[in-house]
Amino acid sequence: MIKIKRVYDPMEKDDGVRVLVDRLWPRNVKKSSVDLWLKDIAPSDELREWFNHDPTKWEEFKKRYFEELNKNPKVRSLLELLKKEVNVTLLYASKSPYNNAVALKEYLEKLLEKE
């Protein structure tokens, strides 16, 4: 199961493997609260800055981000992790519900449906 939550939210037993999917390490977060940091799976700096969590750009952001993910070799390692683990929680720092972890979860679920 793929879950998403803010990295600042309390850890829970059913989080499983906690994977930070932001390019930048969030402030005041201990390394011990994250199992794996996949900064290279985050959107490019150019895409992240263009989007800036603007809800009116959400659909176009997802389209562009999915195109980046289609070329990203880190996706394969994340898919392998998802197949091995019962629970994987994608962690993000943003306060916005329009963020790369939400889009990444959607992308991964579509890929897993095809396999």
N, C-alpha and C. Protein backbone atom coordinates (compact mmCIF):
# COMPACT_ATOMS: atom_id res chain seq x y z
N MET A 1 0.85 -1.18 0.00
CA MET A 1 0.00 0.00 0.00
C MET A 1 0.89 1.25 0.00
N ILE A 2 0.53 2.20 -0.82
CA ILE A 2 1.26 3.47 -0.88
C ILE A 2 0.48 4.50 -0.08
N LYS A 3 1.17 5.09 0.89
CA LYS A 3 0.57 6.17 1.68
C LYS A 3 1.37 7.43 1.42
N ILE A 4 0.77 8.57 1.71
CA ILE A 4 1.51 9.83 1.66
C ILE A 4 1.23 10.61 2.93
N LYS A 5 2.22 11.34 3.38
CA LYS A 5 2.02 12.20 4.55
C LYS A 5 3.15 13.22 4.63
N ARG A 6 2.87 14.27 5.36
CA ARG A 6 3.91 15.28 5.58
C ARG A 6 5.00 14.68 6.45
N VAL A 7 6.20 15.02 6.15
CA VAL A 7 7.35 14.51 6.91
C VAL A 7 7.30 15.00 8.36
N TYR A 8 6.58 16.08 8.61
CA TYR A 8 6.46 16.64 9.96
C TYR A 8 5.39 15.95 10.80
N ASP A 9 4.55 15.14 10.18
CA ASP A 9 3.52 14.41 10.92
C ASP A 9 4.18 13.30 11.73
N PRO A 10 3.58 12.93 12.85
CA PRO A 10 4.18 11.88 13.69
C PRO A 10 4.32 10.55 12.96
N MET A 11 5.38 9.83 13.27
CA MET A 11 5.57 8.49 12.73
C MET A 11 4.51 7.57 13.31
N GLU A 12 4.06 6.62 12.50
CA GLU A 12 3.09 5.63 12.94
C GLU A 12 3.60 4.24 12.58
N LYS A 13 3.18 3.25 13.34
CA LYS A 13 3.66 1.89 13.12
C LYS A 13 3.36 1.39 11.70
N ASP A 14 2.20 1.76 11.15
CA ASP A 14 1.84 1.25 9.83
C ASP A 14 2.40 2.09 8.67
N ASP A 15 3.33 3.01 8.95
CA ASP A 15 3.97 3.77 7.88
C ASP A 15 4.80 2.86 6.98
N GLY A 16 5.32 1.80 7.54
CA GLY A 16 6.21 0.94 6.76
C GLY A 16 7.51 1.66 6.46
N VAL A 17 7.98 1.53 5.22
CA VAL A 17 9.20 2.21 4.81
C VAL A 17 8.85 3.66 4.49
N ARG A 18 9.54 4.56 5.14
CA ARG A 18 9.28 6.00 4.98
C ARG A 18 10.28 6.58 3.98
N VAL A 19 9.75 7.06 2.85
CA VAL A 19 10.60 7.53 1.75
C VAL A 19 10.35 9.02 1.51
N LEU A 20 11.37 9.82 1.72
CA LEU A 20 11.27 11.25 1.44
C LEU A 20 11.45 11.45 -0.06
N VAL A 21 10.48 12.12 -0.69
CA VAL A 21 10.51 12.29 -2.15
C VAL A 21 10.67 13.75 -2.56
N ASP A 22 11.23 14.55 -1.69
CA ASP A 22 11.53 15.96 -1.99
C ASP A 22 13.00 16.10 -2.37
N ARG A 23 13.28 17.06 -3.22
CA ARG A 23 14.66 17.30 -3.64
C ARG A 23 15.50 17.92 -2.52
N LEU A 24 14.88 18.72 -1.68
CA LEU A 24 15.59 19.39 -0.60
C LEU A 24 15.22 18.74 0.74
N TRP A 25 16.21 18.62 1.62
CA TRP A 25 15.95 18.06 2.95
C TRP A 25 15.15 19.09 3.75
N PRO A 26 14.04 18.69 4.37
CA PRO A 26 13.22 19.64 5.12
C PRO A 26 13.89 20.08 6.43
N ARG A 27 13.63 21.30 6.80
CA ARG A 27 14.19 21.86 8.04
C ARG A 27 13.70 21.11 9.26
N ASN A 28 14.59 20.98 10.22
CA ASN A 28 14.28 20.40 11.53
C ASN A 28 13.75 18.97 11.48
N VAL A 29 14.13 18.23 10.47
CA VAL A 29 13.72 16.83 10.37
C VAL A 29 14.95 15.97 10.62
N LYS A 30 14.82 15.06 11.58
CA LYS A 30 15.94 14.17 11.90
C LYS A 30 16.07 13.09 10.83
N LYS A 31 17.30 12.76 10.53
CA LYS A 31 17.56 11.71 9.53
C LYS A 31 16.93 10.39 9.96
N SER A 32 16.82 10.16 11.26
CA SER A 32 16.28 8.89 11.76
C SER A 32 14.78 8.74 11.50
N SER A 33 14.10 9.82 11.11
CA SER A 33 12.66 9.73 10.85
C SER A 33 12.35 9.33 9.40
N VAL A 34 13.40 9.18 8.60
CA VAL A 34 13.25 8.81 7.19
C VAL A 34 14.11 7.58 6.92
N ASP A 35 13.53 6.59 6.25
CA ASP A 35 14.29 5.38 5.91
C ASP A 35 15.09 5.54 4.63
N LEU A 36 14.55 6.29 3.68
CA LEU A 36 15.18 6.41 2.38
C LEU A 36 14.86 7.79 1.82
N TRP A 37 15.88 8.44 1.24
CA TRP A 37 15.67 9.74 0.63
C TRP A 37 15.94 9.61 -0.86
N LEU A 38 14.87 9.72 -1.66
CA LEU A 38 14.98 9.65 -3.11
C LEU A 38 14.82 11.04 -3.71
N LYS A 39 15.82 11.88 -3.48
CA LYS A 39 15.72 13.26 -3.96
C LYS A 39 15.69 13.34 -5.48
N ASP A 40 16.27 12.33 -6.16
CA ASP A 40 16.30 12.36 -7.62
C ASP A 40 14.97 11.98 -8.26
N ILE A 41 14.01 11.56 -7.45
CA ILE A 41 12.68 11.24 -8.00
C ILE A 41 11.76 12.46 -7.93
N ALA A 42 12.21 13.50 -7.26
CA ALA A 42 11.44 14.74 -7.16
C ALA A 42 11.44 15.46 -8.51
N PRO A 43 10.49 16.36 -8.71
CA PRO A 43 10.47 17.13 -9.96
C PRO A 43 11.76 17.94 -10.12
N SER A 44 12.12 18.22 -11.35
CA SER A 44 13.28 19.07 -11.61
C SER A 44 13.07 20.44 -10.95
N ASP A 45 14.17 21.11 -10.70
CA ASP A 45 14.08 22.45 -10.10
C ASP A 45 13.23 23.38 -10.97
N GLU A 46 13.43 23.28 -12.29
CA GLU A 46 12.68 24.14 -13.21
C GLU A 46 11.18 23.90 -13.10
N LEU A 47 10.79 22.63 -13.06
CA LEU A 47 9.36 22.30 -12.96
C LEU A 47 8.80 22.71 -11.60
N ARG A 48 9.55 22.44 -10.57
CA ARG A 48 9.10 22.78 -9.20
C ARG A 48 8.89 24.29 -9.07
N GLU A 49 9.84 25.06 -9.58
CA GLU A 49 9.73 26.52 -9.48
C GLU A 49 8.59 27.06 -10.35
N TRP A 50 8.40 26.47 -11.54
CA TRP A 50 7.30 26.90 -12.40
C TRP A 50 5.95 26.63 -11.72
N PHE A 51 5.80 25.45 -11.16
CA PHE A 51 4.53 25.05 -10.55
C PHE A 51 4.22 25.87 -9.30
N ASN A 52 5.16 25.92 -8.38
CA ASN A 52 5.02 26.70 -7.15
C ASN A 52 3.71 26.42 -6.41
N HIS A 53 3.24 25.19 -6.44
CA HIS A 53 2.03 24.74 -5.74
C HIS A 53 0.77 25.52 -6.13
N ASP A 54 0.73 25.99 -7.36
CA ASP A 54 -0.42 26.74 -7.87
C ASP A 54 -1.48 25.74 -8.34
N PRO A 55 -2.63 25.69 -7.66
CA PRO A 55 -3.67 24.73 -8.04
C PRO A 55 -4.13 24.85 -9.49
N THR A 56 -4.04 26.04 -10.07
CA THR A 56 -4.47 26.21 -11.46
C THR A 56 -3.50 25.54 -12.43
N LYS A 57 -2.29 25.22 -11.98
CA LYS A 57 -1.29 24.56 -12.82
C LYS A 57 -1.19 23.06 -12.52
N TRP A 58 -2.04 22.53 -11.64
CA TRP A 58 -1.92 21.15 -11.15
C TRP A 58 -1.91 20.11 -12.28
N GLU A 59 -2.88 20.15 -13.16
CA GLU A 59 -2.97 19.14 -14.21
C GLU A 59 -1.76 19.22 -15.15
N GLU A 60 -1.34 20.41 -15.50
CA GLU A 60 -0.17 20.56 -16.37
C GLU A 60 1.10 20.13 -15.63
N PHE A 61 1.17 20.42 -14.33
CA PHE A 61 2.31 19.98 -13.52
C PHE A 61 2.41 18.46 -13.55
N LYS A 62 1.28 17.78 -13.30
CA LYS A 62 1.30 16.32 -13.30
C LYS A 62 1.75 15.78 -14.64
N LYS A 63 1.25 16.35 -15.72
CA LYS A 63 1.63 15.89 -17.07
C LYS A 63 3.14 16.01 -17.26
N ARG A 64 3.70 17.17 -16.91
CA ARG A 64 5.14 17.39 -17.08
C ARG A 64 5.96 16.51 -16.13
N TYR A 65 5.48 16.36 -14.91
CA TYR A 65 6.19 15.53 -13.93
C TYR A 65 6.18 14.07 -14.36
N PHE A 66 5.04 13.59 -14.84
CA PHE A 66 4.96 12.21 -15.32
C PHE A 66 5.92 11.98 -16.48
N GLU A 67 6.08 12.98 -17.35
CA GLU A 67 7.04 12.87 -18.45
C GLU A 67 8.47 12.74 -17.90
N GLU A 68 8.77 13.51 -16.86
CA GLU A 68 10.09 13.38 -16.22
C GLU A 68 10.25 11.99 -15.61
N LEU A 69 9.22 11.52 -14.95
CA LEU A 69 9.29 10.21 -14.29
C LEU A 69 9.45 9.08 -15.30
N ASN A 70 8.86 9.22 -16.47
CA ASN A 70 8.99 8.19 -17.51
C ASN A 70 10.45 7.97 -17.91
N LYS A 71 11.29 8.98 -17.73
CA LYS A 71 12.71 8.90 -18.10
C LYS A 71 13.61 8.68 -16.89
N ASN A 72 13.03 8.56 -15.71
CA ASN A 72 13.81 8.51 -14.48
C ASN A 72 14.08 7.07 -14.04
N PRO A 73 15.35 6.64 -13.98
CA PRO A 73 15.66 5.26 -13.58
C PRO A 73 15.33 4.96 -12.11
N LYS A 74 15.19 5.98 -11.29
CA LYS A 74 14.86 5.77 -9.86
C LYS A 74 13.45 5.20 -9.69
N VAL A 75 12.59 5.39 -10.67
CA VAL A 75 11.23 4.86 -10.60
C VAL A 75 11.26 3.35 -10.45
N ARG A 76 12.15 2.70 -11.20
CA ARG A 76 12.25 1.23 -11.15
C ARG A 76 12.61 0.77 -9.74
N SER A 77 13.56 1.42 -9.08
CA SER A 77 13.94 1.00 -7.73
C SER A 77 12.80 1.24 -6.74
N LEU A 78 12.04 2.30 -6.94
CA LEU A 78 10.89 2.56 -6.07
C LEU A 78 9.80 1.51 -6.30
N LEU A 79 9.58 1.12 -7.53
CA LEU A 79 8.60 0.06 -7.83
C LEU A 79 9.01 -1.26 -7.19
N GLU A 80 10.30 -1.58 -7.24
CA GLU A 80 10.79 -2.81 -6.60
C GLU A 80 10.55 -2.76 -5.09
N LEU A 81 10.78 -1.62 -4.49
CA LEU A 81 10.52 -1.47 -3.05
C LEU A 81 9.04 -1.67 -2.75
N LEU A 82 8.18 -1.11 -3.59
CA LEU A 82 6.74 -1.25 -3.38
C LEU A 82 6.29 -2.70 -3.48
N LYS A 83 6.93 -3.45 -4.33
CA LYS A 83 6.57 -4.87 -4.48
C LYS A 83 7.04 -5.70 -3.30
N LYS A 84 8.12 -5.27 -2.65
CA LYS A 84 8.68 -6.03 -1.52
C LYS A 84 8.00 -5.71 -0.19
N GLU A 85 7.62 -4.47 0.00
CA GLU A 85 7.12 -4.00 1.30
C GLU A 85 5.59 -3.96 1.33
N VAL A 86 5.04 -4.19 2.51
CA VAL A 86 3.59 -4.11 2.68
C VAL A 86 3.14 -2.66 2.60
N ASN A 87 3.82 -1.78 3.32
CA ASN A 87 3.47 -0.36 3.34
C ASN A 87 4.70 0.48 2.99
N VAL A 88 4.48 1.46 2.14
CA VAL A 88 5.49 2.46 1.84
C VAL A 88 4.80 3.82 1.96
N THR A 89 5.42 4.70 2.72
CA THR A 89 4.86 6.04 2.90
C THR A 89 5.77 7.05 2.21
N LEU A 90 5.20 7.78 1.26
CA LEU A 90 5.92 8.84 0.56
C LEU A 90 5.81 10.11 1.39
N LEU A 91 6.93 10.65 1.77
CA LEU A 91 6.96 11.83 2.64
C LEU A 91 7.28 13.09 1.84
N TYR A 92 6.63 14.18 2.22
CA TYR A 92 6.85 15.47 1.57
C TYR A 92 6.80 16.56 2.64
N ALA A 93 7.34 17.72 2.35
CA ALA A 93 7.38 18.81 3.33
C ALA A 93 6.30 19.87 3.10
N SER A 94 5.83 19.99 1.90
CA SER A 94 4.90 21.06 1.54
C SER A 94 3.63 21.07 2.40
N LYS A 95 3.12 22.28 2.63
CA LYS A 95 1.83 22.41 3.32
C LYS A 95 0.67 22.28 2.33
N SER A 96 0.98 22.39 1.05
CA SER A 96 -0.05 22.34 0.01
C SER A 96 -0.48 20.91 -0.31
N PRO A 97 -1.78 20.69 -0.51
CA PRO A 97 -2.23 19.37 -0.96
C PRO A 97 -1.85 19.10 -2.42
N TYR A 98 -1.39 20.13 -3.12
CA TYR A 98 -0.93 20.00 -4.50
C TYR A 98 0.59 19.90 -4.47
N ASN A 99 1.09 18.67 -4.37
CA ASN A 99 2.52 18.49 -4.24
C ASN A 99 2.98 17.25 -4.99
N ASN A 100 4.29 17.12 -5.14
CA ASN A 100 4.85 16.04 -5.94
C ASN A 100 4.57 14.65 -5.36
N ALA A 101 4.44 14.51 -4.05
CA ALA A 101 4.15 13.19 -3.47
C ALA A 101 2.78 12.69 -3.90
N VAL A 102 1.80 13.57 -3.95
CA VAL A 102 0.45 13.21 -4.39
C VAL A 102 0.50 12.77 -5.85
N ALA A 103 1.20 13.54 -6.67
CA ALA A 103 1.33 13.18 -8.08
C ALA A 103 2.11 11.88 -8.25
N LEU A 104 3.18 11.70 -7.49
CA LEU A 104 3.99 10.49 -7.59
C LEU A 104 3.18 9.26 -7.20
N LYS A 105 2.38 9.36 -6.18
CA LYS A 105 1.53 8.24 -5.76
C LYS A 105 0.59 7.84 -6.91
N GLU A 106 -0.04 8.83 -7.53
CA GLU A 106 -0.93 8.56 -8.67
C GLU A 106 -0.17 7.87 -9.80
N TYR A 107 1.00 8.36 -10.11
CA TYR A 107 1.83 7.80 -11.17
C TYR A 107 2.19 6.34 -10.87
N LEU A 108 2.65 6.08 -9.64
CA LEU A 108 3.06 4.73 -9.26
C LEU A 108 1.89 3.75 -9.27
N GLU A 109 0.74 4.20 -8.79
CA GLU A 109 -0.43 3.32 -8.78
C GLU A 109 -0.83 2.93 -10.20
N LYS A 110 -0.73 3.86 -11.14
CA LYS A 110 -1.04 3.54 -12.54
C LYS A 110 -0.05 2.53 -13.09
N LEU A 111 1.23 2.68 -12.77
CA LEU A 111 2.24 1.72 -13.23
C LEU A 111 2.00 0.34 -12.64
N LEU A 112 1.67 0.29 -11.36
CA LEU A 112 1.46 -0.99 -10.69
C LEU A 112 0.23 -1.73 -11.23
N GLU A 113 -0.78 -0.97 -11.65
CA GLU A 113 -1.97 -1.58 -12.25
C GLU A 113 -1.62 -2.31 -13.55
N LYS A 114 -0.64 -1.78 -14.28
CA LYS A 114 -0.25 -2.35 -15.56
C LYS A 114 0.61 -3.61 -15.40
N GLU A 115 1.27 -3.73 -14.27
CA GLU A 115 2.20 -4.89 -14.06
C GLU A 115 1.49 -6.11 -13.56
